[in-house]
Amino acid sequence: MATRIRLRRVGRKGQSHFRIVIADSKSPRDGRFVATIGNYNPRANPAVIVVNAEQALAWLAKGATPTDTVRSLLKKAGVLGKRTA
């Protein structure tokens, strides 16, 4: 099962916010998911990003690939960034 770290839209029309979830790459955007690792509210000023860094790093180590948007959110949250070699 190829897993992705991606956004799942929640909230009513015009008041959207997102959950950061681990899902099978073939499941629909708001469909079935494996785990929730955080949330993102772009409507707040400034935008609110809450991520469980431990879980995110664990899923990345297991081979889950983040979408481009989630990758940038993880960088802003400080989960991804400086590489230690």
N, C-alpha and C. Protein backbone atom coordinates (compact mmCIF):
# COMPACT_ATOMS: atom_id res chain seq x y z
N MET A 1 0.85 -1.18 0.00
CA MET A 1 0.00 0.00 0.00
C MET A 1 0.89 1.24 0.00
N ALA A 2 0.79 2.05 -1.03
CA ALA A 2 1.54 3.30 -1.12
C ALA A 2 0.79 4.37 -0.34
N THR A 3 1.42 4.90 0.69
CA THR A 3 0.75 5.90 1.52
C THR A 3 1.25 7.30 1.20
N ARG A 4 0.35 8.25 1.34
CA ARG A 4 0.66 9.66 1.12
C ARG A 4 0.28 10.43 2.37
N ILE A 5 1.01 11.49 2.63
CA ILE A 5 0.62 12.45 3.67
C ILE A 5 -0.02 13.60 2.93
N ARG A 6 -1.30 13.84 3.19
CA ARG A 6 -2.01 14.85 2.42
C ARG A 6 -3.08 15.54 3.26
N LEU A 7 -3.71 16.56 2.65
CA LEU A 7 -4.73 17.34 3.33
C LEU A 7 -6.10 16.73 3.10
N ARG A 8 -6.93 16.77 4.15
CA ARG A 8 -8.32 16.33 4.06
C ARG A 8 -9.18 17.52 4.45
N ARG A 9 -10.06 17.95 3.55
CA ARG A 9 -10.85 19.15 3.78
C ARG A 9 -12.00 18.86 4.74
N VAL A 10 -12.14 19.73 5.74
CA VAL A 10 -13.27 19.65 6.67
C VAL A 10 -13.83 21.05 6.85
N GLY A 11 -14.99 21.16 7.44
CA GLY A 11 -15.61 22.47 7.63
C GLY A 11 -16.69 22.71 6.60
N ARG A 12 -17.51 23.69 6.88
CA ARG A 12 -18.62 23.96 5.96
C ARG A 12 -18.17 24.83 4.78
N LYS A 13 -19.10 25.09 3.90
CA LYS A 13 -18.79 25.86 2.69
C LYS A 13 -18.29 27.25 3.07
N GLY A 14 -17.15 27.62 2.53
CA GLY A 14 -16.58 28.94 2.78
C GLY A 14 -15.83 29.06 4.10
N GLN A 15 -15.87 28.03 4.93
CA GLN A 15 -15.19 28.04 6.23
C GLN A 15 -14.27 26.83 6.35
N SER A 16 -13.54 26.55 5.31
CA SER A 16 -12.76 25.32 5.28
C SER A 16 -11.52 25.39 6.15
N HIS A 17 -11.17 24.25 6.71
CA HIS A 17 -9.87 24.02 7.30
C HIS A 17 -9.52 22.58 6.96
N PHE A 18 -8.31 22.18 7.25
CA PHE A 18 -7.82 20.90 6.75
C PHE A 18 -7.19 20.09 7.85
N ARG A 19 -7.30 18.77 7.73
CA ARG A 19 -6.58 17.85 8.59
C ARG A 19 -5.44 17.26 7.78
N ILE A 20 -4.31 17.06 8.41
CA ILE A 20 -3.18 16.43 7.76
C ILE A 20 -3.27 14.94 8.09
N VAL A 21 -3.48 14.12 7.07
CA VAL A 21 -3.73 12.70 7.29
C VAL A 21 -2.78 11.83 6.48
N ILE A 22 -2.70 10.57 6.91
CA ILE A 22 -1.99 9.54 6.18
C ILE A 22 -3.06 8.72 5.48
N ALA A 23 -2.98 8.60 4.16
CA ALA A 23 -4.01 7.89 3.40
C ALA A 23 -3.36 7.08 2.28
N ASP A 24 -4.09 6.06 1.84
CA ASP A 24 -3.65 5.30 0.68
C ASP A 24 -3.68 6.24 -0.53
N SER A 25 -2.73 6.10 -1.41
CA SER A 25 -2.63 7.03 -2.54
C SER A 25 -3.82 6.92 -3.48
N LYS A 26 -4.56 5.81 -3.44
CA LYS A 26 -5.69 5.62 -4.35
C LYS A 26 -7.02 6.04 -3.75
N SER A 27 -7.07 6.35 -2.47
CA SER A 27 -8.33 6.75 -1.86
C SER A 27 -8.64 8.21 -2.20
N PRO A 28 -9.95 8.59 -2.23
CA PRO A 28 -10.30 9.97 -2.57
C PRO A 28 -9.85 10.98 -1.51
N ARG A 29 -9.86 12.24 -1.86
CA ARG A 29 -9.35 13.31 -0.99
C ARG A 29 -9.96 13.28 0.41
N ASP A 30 -11.27 13.18 0.48
CA ASP A 30 -11.94 13.18 1.78
C ASP A 30 -12.40 11.79 2.17
N GLY A 31 -11.80 10.77 1.57
CA GLY A 31 -12.20 9.39 1.83
C GLY A 31 -11.46 8.78 3.02
N ARG A 32 -11.30 7.48 2.93
CA ARG A 32 -10.70 6.72 4.00
C ARG A 32 -9.25 7.13 4.26
N PHE A 33 -8.85 7.11 5.53
CA PHE A 33 -7.47 7.45 5.88
C PHE A 33 -7.00 6.55 7.00
N VAL A 34 -5.70 6.51 7.20
CA VAL A 34 -5.09 5.62 8.19
C VAL A 34 -4.93 6.33 9.53
N ALA A 35 -4.41 7.55 9.51
CA ALA A 35 -4.14 8.28 10.75
C ALA A 35 -4.19 9.78 10.50
N THR A 36 -4.46 10.52 11.56
CA THR A 36 -4.43 11.98 11.51
C THR A 36 -3.21 12.45 12.30
N ILE A 37 -2.39 13.29 11.69
CA ILE A 37 -1.18 13.74 12.38
C ILE A 37 -1.17 15.24 12.65
N GLY A 38 -2.21 15.96 12.24
CA GLY A 38 -2.23 17.39 12.52
C GLY A 38 -3.38 18.07 11.81
N ASN A 39 -3.38 19.40 11.88
CA ASN A 39 -4.39 20.18 11.18
C ASN A 39 -3.80 21.50 10.71
N TYR A 40 -4.53 22.15 9.80
CA TYR A 40 -4.07 23.38 9.16
C TYR A 40 -5.27 24.27 8.94
N ASN A 41 -5.20 25.50 9.45
CA ASN A 41 -6.28 26.46 9.27
C ASN A 41 -5.72 27.67 8.51
N PRO A 42 -5.96 27.73 7.19
CA PRO A 42 -5.42 28.84 6.40
C PRO A 42 -6.20 30.13 6.58
N ARG A 43 -7.38 30.07 7.19
CA ARG A 43 -8.23 31.25 7.33
C ARG A 43 -7.82 32.12 8.51
N ALA A 44 -7.08 31.58 9.44
CA ALA A 44 -6.61 32.37 10.58
C ALA A 44 -5.52 33.32 10.10
N ASN A 45 -5.29 34.38 10.86
CA ASN A 45 -4.25 35.33 10.48
C ASN A 45 -3.28 35.49 11.64
N PRO A 46 -2.09 34.93 11.61
CA PRO A 46 -1.49 34.10 10.57
C PRO A 46 -2.06 32.68 10.58
N ALA A 47 -1.83 31.94 9.50
CA ALA A 47 -2.34 30.58 9.36
C ALA A 47 -1.82 29.70 10.49
N VAL A 48 -2.68 28.80 10.98
CA VAL A 48 -2.33 27.92 12.10
C VAL A 48 -1.98 26.54 11.56
N ILE A 49 -0.79 26.07 11.91
CA ILE A 49 -0.33 24.73 11.51
C ILE A 49 0.02 23.98 12.78
N VAL A 50 -0.68 22.88 13.03
CA VAL A 50 -0.40 22.03 14.19
C VAL A 50 -0.06 20.64 13.66
N VAL A 51 1.15 20.16 13.97
CA VAL A 51 1.60 18.85 13.48
C VAL A 51 2.25 18.09 14.62
N ASN A 52 1.92 16.81 14.75
CA ASN A 52 2.60 15.93 15.68
C ASN A 52 3.89 15.48 14.99
N ALA A 53 5.00 16.08 15.37
CA ALA A 53 6.27 15.86 14.69
C ALA A 53 6.74 14.42 14.80
N GLU A 54 6.52 13.80 15.96
CA GLU A 54 6.94 12.40 16.15
C GLU A 54 6.26 11.49 15.15
N GLN A 55 4.94 11.62 15.04
CA GLN A 55 4.19 10.77 14.12
C GLN A 55 4.56 11.07 12.67
N ALA A 56 4.73 12.33 12.34
CA ALA A 56 5.08 12.70 10.96
C ALA A 56 6.42 12.08 10.57
N LEU A 57 7.41 12.18 11.43
CA LEU A 57 8.72 11.61 11.13
C LEU A 57 8.66 10.09 11.07
N ALA A 58 7.84 9.48 11.92
CA ALA A 58 7.70 8.02 11.90
C ALA A 58 7.09 7.57 10.57
N TRP A 59 6.06 8.26 10.09
CA TRP A 59 5.44 7.89 8.82
C TRP A 59 6.37 8.16 7.65
N LEU A 60 7.15 9.23 7.71
CA LEU A 60 8.13 9.49 6.66
C LEU A 60 9.19 8.39 6.63
N ALA A 61 9.58 7.90 7.81
CA ALA A 61 10.56 6.82 7.88
C ALA A 61 9.99 5.52 7.31
N LYS A 62 8.68 5.35 7.42
CA LYS A 62 8.03 4.14 6.88
C LYS A 62 7.83 4.23 5.38
N GLY A 63 8.08 5.39 4.79
CA GLY A 63 7.99 5.52 3.34
C GLY A 63 6.81 6.32 2.83
N ALA A 64 6.05 6.96 3.71
CA ALA A 64 4.94 7.80 3.26
C ALA A 64 5.50 9.04 2.57
N THR A 65 4.92 9.41 1.44
CA THR A 65 5.40 10.57 0.71
C THR A 65 4.41 11.72 0.85
N PRO A 66 4.87 12.89 1.27
CA PRO A 66 3.96 14.03 1.40
C PRO A 66 3.68 14.68 0.05
N THR A 67 2.50 15.27 -0.07
CA THR A 67 2.20 16.05 -1.26
C THR A 67 3.02 17.34 -1.19
N ASP A 68 3.06 18.09 -2.28
CA ASP A 68 3.85 19.33 -2.31
C ASP A 68 3.38 20.31 -1.25
N THR A 69 2.06 20.45 -1.10
CA THR A 69 1.50 21.38 -0.12
C THR A 69 1.86 20.95 1.29
N VAL A 70 1.71 19.68 1.59
CA VAL A 70 2.02 19.18 2.93
C VAL A 70 3.51 19.29 3.21
N ARG A 71 4.34 19.07 2.20
CA ARG A 71 5.79 19.21 2.39
C ARG A 71 6.13 20.64 2.81
N SER A 72 5.50 21.63 2.17
CA SER A 72 5.78 23.03 2.55
C SER A 72 5.23 23.33 3.94
N LEU A 73 4.08 22.74 4.31
CA LEU A 73 3.54 22.95 5.66
C LEU A 73 4.44 22.31 6.71
N LEU A 74 4.98 21.13 6.42
CA LEU A 74 5.88 20.48 7.37
C LEU A 74 7.16 21.30 7.55
N LYS A 75 7.63 21.92 6.48
CA LYS A 75 8.81 22.79 6.59
C LYS A 75 8.51 24.01 7.45
N LYS A 76 7.33 24.61 7.26
CA LYS A 76 6.95 25.78 8.05
C LYS A 76 6.77 25.42 9.51
N ALA A 77 6.30 24.19 9.78
CA ALA A 77 6.09 23.74 11.16
C ALA A 77 7.39 23.31 11.81
N GLY A 78 8.46 23.18 11.03
CA GLY A 78 9.75 22.82 11.59
C GLY A 78 9.99 21.32 11.66
N VAL A 79 9.15 20.52 11.05
CA VAL A 79 9.34 19.07 11.07
C VAL A 79 10.37 18.67 10.04
N LEU A 80 10.30 19.23 8.85
CA LEU A 80 11.30 19.00 7.81
C LEU A 80 12.19 20.23 7.73
N GLY A 81 13.35 20.05 7.18
CA GLY A 81 14.20 21.23 7.03
C GLY A 81 15.64 20.83 6.97
N LYS A 82 16.37 21.19 8.00
CA LYS A 82 17.81 20.94 8.02
C LYS A 82 18.08 19.45 8.00
N ARG A 83 18.96 19.04 7.09
CA ARG A 83 19.33 17.64 7.00
C ARG A 83 20.54 17.40 7.88
N THR A 84 20.52 16.29 8.58
CA THR A 84 21.67 15.90 9.39
C THR A 84 22.31 14.69 8.73
N ALA A 85 23.56 14.86 8.29
CA ALA A 85 24.21 13.77 7.56
C ALA A 85 25.29 13.12 8.36
